[in-house]
Protein backbone atom coordinates (compact mmCIF):
# COMPACT_ATOMS: atom_id res chain seq x y z
CA MET A 1 31.89 -15.52 -16.28
CA GLY A 2 33.61 -17.81 -13.82
CA ARG A 3 36.15 -15.27 -12.56
CA ARG A 4 35.20 -13.50 -9.36
CA SER A 5 35.54 -9.75 -9.74
CA ALA A 6 36.81 -7.54 -6.96
CA ILE A 7 34.16 -5.22 -5.54
CA PRO A 8 34.24 -2.58 -2.83
CA ARG A 9 32.84 -4.97 -0.21
CA SER A 10 31.48 -8.48 -0.05
CA THR A 11 27.82 -9.18 0.52
CA PRO A 12 25.98 -12.23 1.88
CA ALA A 13 24.88 -13.00 -1.71
CA LEU A 14 28.47 -13.15 -2.95
CA ALA A 15 29.52 -15.14 0.11
CA ALA A 16 26.73 -17.67 -0.49
CA LEU A 17 27.85 -18.32 -4.06
CA SER A 18 31.51 -18.51 -3.06
CA ALA A 19 30.75 -20.95 -0.23
CA ALA A 20 28.77 -23.14 -2.63
CA GLY A 21 31.62 -23.14 -5.17
CA ILE A 22 29.36 -21.68 -7.84
CA PRO A 23 31.06 -19.66 -10.60
CA PHE A 24 29.85 -16.08 -10.92
CA THR A 25 31.03 -12.62 -11.82
CA ALA A 26 30.36 -9.64 -9.56
CA ARG A 27 29.32 -6.74 -11.79
CA PRO A 28 29.46 -3.42 -9.92
CA TYR A 29 28.18 -0.24 -11.56
CA GLN A 30 27.60 3.37 -10.60
CA HIS A 31 24.12 3.62 -9.03
CA GLU A 32 22.33 6.95 -9.40
CA GLN A 33 19.88 8.08 -6.71
CA GLY A 34 16.26 8.52 -7.76
CA VAL A 35 16.21 6.22 -10.79
CA PRO A 36 12.70 4.90 -11.54
CA SER A 37 13.89 1.30 -12.18
CA TYR A 38 16.92 -0.26 -10.50
CA GLY A 39 16.86 -3.19 -12.93
CA LEU A 40 16.77 -1.10 -16.09
CA GLU A 41 19.52 1.08 -14.63
CA ALA A 42 21.65 -2.06 -14.14
CA ALA A 43 21.01 -3.28 -17.70
CA THR A 44 22.02 0.08 -19.16
CA ALA A 45 25.07 0.52 -16.92
CA LEU A 46 26.30 -3.03 -17.57
CA GLY A 47 25.51 -2.92 -21.30
CA VAL A 48 23.43 -6.11 -21.26
CA PRO A 49 19.98 -6.84 -22.70
CA PRO A 50 17.27 -5.96 -20.15
CA ALA A 51 15.66 -9.39 -20.67
CA GLN A 52 18.74 -10.94 -18.97
CA VAL A 53 18.46 -8.76 -15.87
CA PHE A 54 16.15 -10.11 -13.18
CA LYS A 55 14.66 -8.36 -10.16
CA THR A 56 13.86 -10.03 -6.86
CA LEU A 57 10.44 -9.16 -5.49
CA MET A 58 9.21 -10.34 -2.11
CA ALA A 59 5.61 -11.53 -1.97
CA SER A 60 3.42 -12.92 0.77
CA VAL A 61 1.87 -16.17 -0.46
CA ASP A 62 -0.86 -17.41 1.87
CA GLY A 63 0.94 -15.53 4.65
CA SER A 64 4.50 -16.79 3.98
CA LEU A 65 7.24 -14.75 2.31
CA VAL A 66 8.49 -15.89 -1.08
CA ALA A 67 11.21 -14.40 -3.29
CA ALA A 68 10.02 -14.07 -6.89
CA VAL A 69 12.73 -13.53 -9.52
CA VAL A 70 11.39 -12.02 -12.75
CA PRO A 71 12.83 -10.06 -15.71
CA VAL A 72 13.09 -6.31 -15.19
CA THR A 73 11.28 -5.87 -18.51
CA GLY A 74 8.00 -7.07 -16.99
CA SER A 75 6.13 -7.52 -13.76
CA LEU A 76 5.27 -10.27 -11.34
CA ASP A 77 2.01 -12.13 -11.99
CA LEU A 78 0.81 -12.70 -8.42
CA LYS A 79 -1.85 -15.23 -9.45
CA ALA A 80 0.72 -17.25 -11.37
CA LEU A 81 3.08 -17.15 -8.38
CA ALA A 82 0.41 -18.49 -6.03
CA ALA A 83 -0.55 -21.18 -8.54
CA ALA A 84 3.08 -22.25 -9.04
CA LEU A 85 3.30 -22.91 -5.30
CA GLY A 86 -0.09 -24.61 -5.09
CA LYS A 87 -1.39 -21.77 -2.92
CA ARG A 88 -4.45 -19.56 -3.07
CA LYS A 89 -3.34 -15.94 -2.86
CA ALA A 90 -0.22 -13.83 -3.30
CA VAL A 91 0.24 -10.14 -2.53
CA MET A 92 3.32 -7.97 -2.55
CA ALA A 93 5.10 -8.04 0.80
CA ASP A 94 5.31 -4.95 2.96
CA PRO A 95 8.64 -3.29 2.02
CA ALA A 96 9.74 -2.94 5.65
CA VAL A 97 9.06 -6.64 6.28
CA ALA A 98 10.94 -7.59 3.09
CA GLN A 99 13.97 -5.55 4.14
CA ARG A 100 13.95 -6.91 7.68
CA ARG A 101 13.60 -10.56 6.61
CA THR A 102 16.16 -10.44 3.79
CA GLY A 103 18.69 -8.11 5.38
CA TYR A 104 18.83 -6.13 2.15
CA VAL A 105 17.53 -2.68 1.16
CA LEU A 106 14.93 -2.20 -1.58
CA GLY A 107 16.66 -2.11 -4.93
CA GLY A 108 19.34 -4.43 -3.55
CA ILE A 109 17.31 -7.47 -2.49
CA SER A 110 18.98 -10.62 -3.73
CA PRO A 111 17.52 -14.12 -3.86
CA LEU A 112 20.90 -15.26 -2.46
CA GLY A 113 22.23 -14.93 1.07
CA GLN A 114 19.06 -13.63 2.68
CA ARG A 115 19.15 -13.17 6.45
CA HIS A 116 16.07 -15.42 6.78
CA PRO A 117 15.90 -17.35 3.49
CA SER A 118 12.53 -17.59 1.79
CA PRO A 119 11.45 -20.06 -0.88
CA VAL A 120 12.48 -18.79 -4.32
CA VAL A 121 10.57 -18.98 -7.59
CA VAL A 122 12.47 -17.99 -10.75
CA ASP A 123 10.59 -17.13 -13.92
CA GLU A 124 11.17 -19.86 -16.48
CA SER A 125 12.41 -17.30 -19.03
CA ALA A 126 15.73 -17.26 -17.14
CA LEU A 127 16.50 -20.64 -18.71
CA GLU A 128 16.53 -19.03 -22.18
CA HIS A 129 19.81 -17.21 -21.39
CA PRO A 130 23.36 -18.48 -20.91
CA ALA A 131 23.69 -16.05 -17.98
CA VAL A 132 21.35 -13.87 -15.97
CA PHE A 133 22.00 -10.89 -13.74
CA VAL A 134 20.48 -10.60 -10.26
CA SER A 135 21.12 -8.20 -7.43
CA GLY A 136 24.32 -8.83 -5.53
CA GLY A 137 22.83 -7.56 -2.30
CA GLN A 138 23.34 -3.84 -2.65
CA ARG A 139 22.33 -1.13 -5.08
CA GLY A 140 24.95 -0.83 -7.79
CA LEU A 141 26.00 -4.48 -7.73
CA ASP A 142 24.68 -7.30 -9.87
CA ILE A 143 25.81 -10.91 -10.08
CA GLU A 144 26.24 -12.59 -13.46
CA VAL A 145 25.49 -16.29 -13.05
CA ALA A 146 24.25 -19.23 -15.11
CA PRO A 147 20.50 -19.66 -14.54
CA ALA A 148 20.90 -23.33 -13.58
CA ASP A 149 23.46 -22.32 -10.94
CA LEU A 150 21.14 -19.61 -9.56
CA ILE A 151 18.33 -22.15 -9.36
CA ALA A 152 20.58 -24.70 -7.65
CA ALA A 153 22.02 -22.17 -5.18
CA THR A 154 18.55 -20.98 -4.11
CA ARG A 155 16.81 -24.36 -4.46
CA ALA A 156 14.34 -22.47 -6.62
CA LEU A 157 11.26 -23.64 -8.40
CA THR A 158 10.93 -22.41 -11.99
CA ALA A 159 7.55 -21.38 -13.31
CA PRO A 160 5.94 -18.85 -15.69
CA ILE A 161 5.45 -16.08 -13.10
CA ALA A 162 6.32 -12.98 -15.16
CA GLY A 163 3.59 -10.68 -16.40
CA PRO A 164 3.73 -8.15 -19.21
């Protein structure tokens, strides 16, 4: 980690980390159409433990969009997300709204460099790893970054928001 890898094209997520001076490694891989889980595909392709790969899910919490970052090995606990933010109810965001607001396609939504940034909540399990992998803003591209740097770059709250 720390060295910036060359990739086919830059993304707003990579630009955001570069602009902030945060060390990261771009980790491109060959994305296959029709895979059932983008995150598990990334873990396999990159040869890293799935528990270190995190997916970004957009949720509507009391009517406002929030980016929830959870391990690909589990799910998002919507009640825990709402509670972490001191709100009443969370539901998954409409996919079209999520894509429009973030500027990213499903399977490539990153918590970094979103067109219209949303508050970010990262599952506390991220802190158990020296590095985590999150989407780099397109399918077939992950970013390897220290969890503390991801949290700082997104001004994220950490909380136990992952479900089984």
